Structure formats: structure tokens, C-alpha cells
């Protein structure tokens, strides 16, 4: 019986680790560029997650992306000819914070994000 409980708890913990985080909602995203001479800043994003697919918007730009387990990636699709921003990060276990990296043309940096309450 003890062995069964141990196996069951191990299986449940693996399922929890592999379950996709649900990031549907509004998020505050703070950006810091690697080039410290350039200002970073914050943007507001609204995500809608359906399975592993991610959609929504950040400011005036449409978002497309995916969430696989705790890993998240999304792109901002601009309407004009400006470079596309790409974000890749990890959602914490509770699902209320993200950290990662981003690129915008030849610019690179880091981001943190917090779910708005």
C-alpha cells in the first residue's frame, strides 16, 4: 500500500509539472533593454489562452503565441513596418509572474510580467 501511495503521488506531481499554465487575463509587462543607454518601460497585455494557443493584445499590437507547460512565447504583430517583438519566458508555478527575454529588431533585453488583480 505504501508503495502504491508513493507511485500515485509521484505521478500526480509529474502531471502537475507538465500541465500548461493558464495565463488568460491582464498582465503588466516591464522591459529592460541590454543596451542601458536605451530606455525600457512597461506595456499592458491582455492574453487569451485556448489550450496551448495564445492570442490577445499588448497596447495596440495583436499577440500570437503558445504556452507549453510553464514555457510561454509570443510575438507582437505590428500593423506598420516596424520590427516585430518576440518574447520567450517562463511562468511561475502559481501562474501570476513571468520572466524571460525579448527581441525587437536588433535590440535585446529581459522582461518581467505580473498578472493584474
C-alpha atoms as a PDB file:
ATOM      1  CA  UNK A   1       0.000   0.000   0.000  1.00  0.00           C
ATOM      2  CA  UNK A   2       2.811   2.386   0.893  1.00  0.00           C
ATOM      3  CA  UNK A   3       4.477   1.785  -2.485  1.00  0.00           C
ATOM      4  CA  UNK A   4       1.168   2.477  -4.284  1.00  0.00           C
ATOM      5  CA  UNK A   5       0.744   5.823  -2.488  1.00  0.00           C
ATOM      6  CA  UNK A   6       4.330   6.803  -3.335  1.00  0.00           C
ATOM      7  CA  UNK A   7       3.821   5.935  -7.017  1.00  0.00           C
ATOM      8  CA  UNK A   8       0.495   7.792  -7.072  1.00  0.00           C
ATOM      9  CA  UNK A   9       1.973  10.943  -5.521  1.00  0.00           C
ATOM     10  CA  UNK A  10       4.914  10.862  -7.939  1.00  0.00           C
ATOM     11  CA  UNK A  11       2.560  10.510 -10.929  1.00  0.00           C
ATOM     12  CA  UNK A  12       0.373  13.373  -9.717  1.00  0.00           C
ATOM     13  CA  UNK A  13       3.386  15.657  -9.249  1.00  0.00           C
ATOM     14  CA  UNK A  14       4.594  14.886 -12.785  1.00  0.00           C
ATOM     15  CA  UNK A  15       1.150  15.682 -14.186  1.00  0.00           C
ATOM     16  CA  UNK A  16       1.140  18.986 -12.324  1.00  0.00           C
ATOM     17  CA  UNK A  17       4.577  19.911 -13.682  1.00  0.00           C
ATOM     18  CA  UNK A  18       3.543  19.097 -17.258  1.00  0.00           C
ATOM     19  CA  UNK A  19       0.182  20.876 -17.104  1.00  0.00           C
ATOM     20  CA  UNK A  20       0.151  24.096 -19.084  1.00  0.00           C
ATOM     21  CA  UNK A  21      -0.101  27.287 -17.106  1.00  0.00           C
ATOM     22  CA  UNK A  22      -3.205  29.326 -17.920  1.00  0.00           C
ATOM     23  CA  UNK A  23      -2.151  32.930 -18.474  1.00  0.00           C
ATOM     24  CA  UNK A  24      -5.546  34.241 -19.604  1.00  0.00           C
ATOM     25  CA  UNK A  25      -6.001  37.724 -18.185  1.00  0.00           C
ATOM     26  CA  UNK A  26      -4.377  41.142 -17.977  1.00  0.00           C
ATOM     27  CA  UNK A  27      -0.656  41.478 -17.364  1.00  0.00           C
ATOM     28  CA  UNK A  28       1.799  44.308 -16.624  1.00  0.00           C
ATOM     29  CA  UNK A  29       4.988  43.670 -18.624  1.00  0.00           C
ATOM     30  CA  UNK A  30       8.202  45.532 -17.724  1.00  0.00           C
ATOM     31  CA  UNK A  31      11.006  45.606 -20.290  1.00  0.00           C
ATOM     32  CA  UNK A  32      14.713  46.262 -19.659  1.00  0.00           C
ATOM     33  CA  UNK A  33      16.977  46.557 -22.709  1.00  0.00           C
ATOM     34  CA  UNK A  34      20.501  45.103 -22.701  1.00  0.00           C
ATOM     35  CA  UNK A  35      21.740  48.471 -24.015  1.00  0.00           C
ATOM     36  CA  UNK A  36      21.416  50.583 -20.876  1.00  0.00           C
ATOM     37  CA  UNK A  37      21.540  53.787 -22.932  1.00  0.00           C
ATOM     38  CA  UNK A  38      18.055  52.934 -24.253  1.00  0.00           C
ATOM     39  CA  UNK A  39      15.025  53.345 -22.017  1.00  0.00           C
ATOM     40  CA  UNK A  40      12.922  50.329 -21.151  1.00  0.00           C
ATOM     41  CA  UNK A  41       9.362  50.659 -19.996  1.00  0.00           C
ATOM     42  CA  UNK A  42       6.106  48.965 -19.347  1.00  0.00           C
ATOM     43  CA  UNK A  43       3.288  47.709 -21.526  1.00  0.00           C
ATOM     44  CA  UNK A  44      -0.135  46.317 -20.680  1.00  0.00           C
ATOM     45  CA  UNK A  45      -1.084  42.997 -22.246  1.00  0.00           C
ATOM     46  CA  UNK A  46      -4.367  41.088 -22.347  1.00  0.00           C
ATOM     47  CA  UNK A  47      -3.886  37.381 -23.069  1.00  0.00           C
ATOM     48  CA  UNK A  48      -6.451  34.749 -24.001  1.00  0.00           C
ATOM     49  CA  UNK A  49      -5.276  31.171 -23.868  1.00  0.00           C
ATOM     50  CA  UNK A  50      -7.086  28.292 -25.561  1.00  0.00           C
ATOM     51  CA  UNK A  51      -5.236  25.047 -24.922  1.00  0.00           C
ATOM     52  CA  UNK A  52      -1.639  25.807 -25.865  1.00  0.00           C
ATOM     53  CA  UNK A  53      -2.580  28.656 -28.238  1.00  0.00           C
ATOM     54  CA  UNK A  54      -2.191  32.254 -27.099  1.00  0.00           C
ATOM     55  CA  UNK A  55      -3.870  35.348 -28.548  1.00  0.00           C
ATOM     56  CA  UNK A  56      -4.670  38.837 -27.316  1.00  0.00           C
ATOM     57  CA  UNK A  57      -3.086  42.248 -27.475  1.00  0.00           C
ATOM     58  CA  UNK A  58      -0.322  44.361 -25.986  1.00  0.00           C
ATOM     59  CA  UNK A  59      -1.073  48.047 -26.348  1.00  0.00           C
ATOM     60  CA  UNK A  60      -2.143  48.415 -29.999  1.00  0.00           C
ATOM     61  CA  UNK A  61      -0.470  45.226 -31.263  1.00  0.00           C
ATOM     62  CA  UNK A  62      -2.028  41.789 -31.775  1.00  0.00           C
ATOM     63  CA  UNK A  63      -0.446  38.861 -29.935  1.00  0.00           C
ATOM     64  CA  UNK A  64       0.047  35.314 -31.205  1.00  0.00           C
ATOM     65  CA  UNK A  65       1.916  32.655 -29.315  1.00  0.00           C
ATOM     66  CA  UNK A  66       1.841  29.470 -27.325  1.00  0.00           C
ATOM     67  CA  UNK A  67       2.099  28.091 -23.812  1.00  0.00           C
ATOM     68  CA  UNK A  68       3.701  24.683 -23.298  1.00  0.00           C
ATOM     69  CA  UNK A  69       3.864  23.637 -19.673  1.00  0.00           C
ATOM     70  CA  UNK A  70       5.385  26.607 -17.850  1.00  0.00           C
ATOM     71  CA  UNK A  71       7.064  27.912 -21.044  1.00  0.00           C
ATOM     72  CA  UNK A  72       5.472  30.795 -22.911  1.00  0.00           C
ATOM     73  CA  UNK A  73       6.326  32.595 -26.137  1.00  0.00           C
ATOM     74  CA  UNK A  74       4.520  35.310 -28.037  1.00  0.00           C
ATOM     75  CA  UNK A  75       5.004  37.845 -30.813  1.00  0.00           C
ATOM     76  CA  UNK A  76       3.586  41.320 -31.185  1.00  0.00           C
ATOM     77  CA  UNK A  77       2.361  41.828 -34.718  1.00  0.00           C
ATOM     78  CA  UNK A  78       2.579  45.482 -35.661  1.00  0.00           C
ATOM     79  CA  UNK A  79       0.350  46.978 -38.330  1.00  0.00           C
ATOM     80  CA  UNK A  80       3.125  49.180 -39.677  1.00  0.00           C
ATOM     81  CA  UNK A  81       6.566  48.174 -40.917  1.00  0.00           C
ATOM     82  CA  UNK A  82       8.295  48.414 -37.519  1.00  0.00           C
ATOM     83  CA  UNK A  83      10.154  45.308 -36.314  1.00  0.00           C
ATOM     84  CA  UNK A  84       8.213  42.511 -34.643  1.00  0.00           C
ATOM     85  CA  UNK A  85       8.791  41.966 -30.922  1.00  0.00           C
ATOM     86  CA  UNK A  86       9.289  38.375 -29.739  1.00  0.00           C
ATOM     87  CA  UNK A  87       9.046  37.264 -26.092  1.00  0.00           C
ATOM     88  CA  UNK A  88      10.146  33.926 -24.599  1.00  0.00           C
ATOM     89  CA  UNK A  89       9.800  33.157 -20.923  1.00  0.00           C
ATOM     90  CA  UNK A  90       8.651  31.021 -18.047  1.00  0.00           C
ATOM     91  CA  UNK A  91       5.527  31.315 -15.920  1.00  0.00           C
ATOM     92  CA  UNK A  92       5.995  30.662 -12.195  1.00  0.00           C
ATOM     93  CA  UNK A  93       4.232  27.690 -10.579  1.00  0.00           C
ATOM     94  CA  UNK A  94       1.412  29.844  -9.182  1.00  0.00           C
ATOM     95  CA  UNK A  95       0.776  31.390 -12.626  1.00  0.00           C
ATOM     96  CA  UNK A  96       0.973  35.039 -11.598  1.00  0.00           C
ATOM     97  CA  UNK A  97       4.502  36.033 -12.740  1.00  0.00           C
ATOM     98  CA  UNK A  98       6.657  35.552 -15.824  1.00  0.00           C
ATOM     99  CA  UNK A  99      10.305  36.204 -16.578  1.00  0.00           C
ATOM    100  CA  UNK A 100      12.208  35.906 -19.810  1.00  0.00           C
ATOM    101  CA  UNK A 101      13.910  37.547 -22.756  1.00  0.00           C
ATOM    102  CA  UNK A 102      12.706  39.522 -25.729  1.00  0.00           C
ATOM    103  CA  UNK A 103      13.959  40.860 -29.025  1.00  0.00           C
ATOM    104  CA  UNK A 104      12.841  43.818 -31.101  1.00  0.00           C
ATOM    105  CA  UNK A 105      14.737  44.010 -34.376  1.00  0.00           C
ATOM    106  CA  UNK A 106      18.411  44.078 -33.365  1.00  0.00           C
ATOM    107  CA  UNK A 107      17.608  45.089 -29.765  1.00  0.00           C
ATOM    108  CA  UNK A 108      17.590  42.502 -26.975  1.00  0.00           C
ATOM    109  CA  UNK A 109      16.590  42.518 -23.348  1.00  0.00           C
ATOM    110  CA  UNK A 110      14.738  40.965 -20.460  1.00  0.00           C
ATOM    111  CA  UNK A 111      11.163  41.181 -19.274  1.00  0.00           C
ATOM    112  CA  UNK A 112       9.189  40.519 -16.123  1.00  0.00           C
ATOM    113  CA  UNK A 113       5.422  40.339 -16.052  1.00  0.00           C
ATOM    114  CA  UNK A 114       2.828  40.286 -13.302  1.00  0.00           C
ATOM    115  CA  UNK A 115      -0.811  39.314 -13.585  1.00  0.00           C
ATOM    116  CA  UNK A 116      -3.070  42.266 -12.779  1.00  0.00           C
ATOM    117  CA  UNK A 117      -5.526  41.652  -9.966  1.00  0.00           C
END
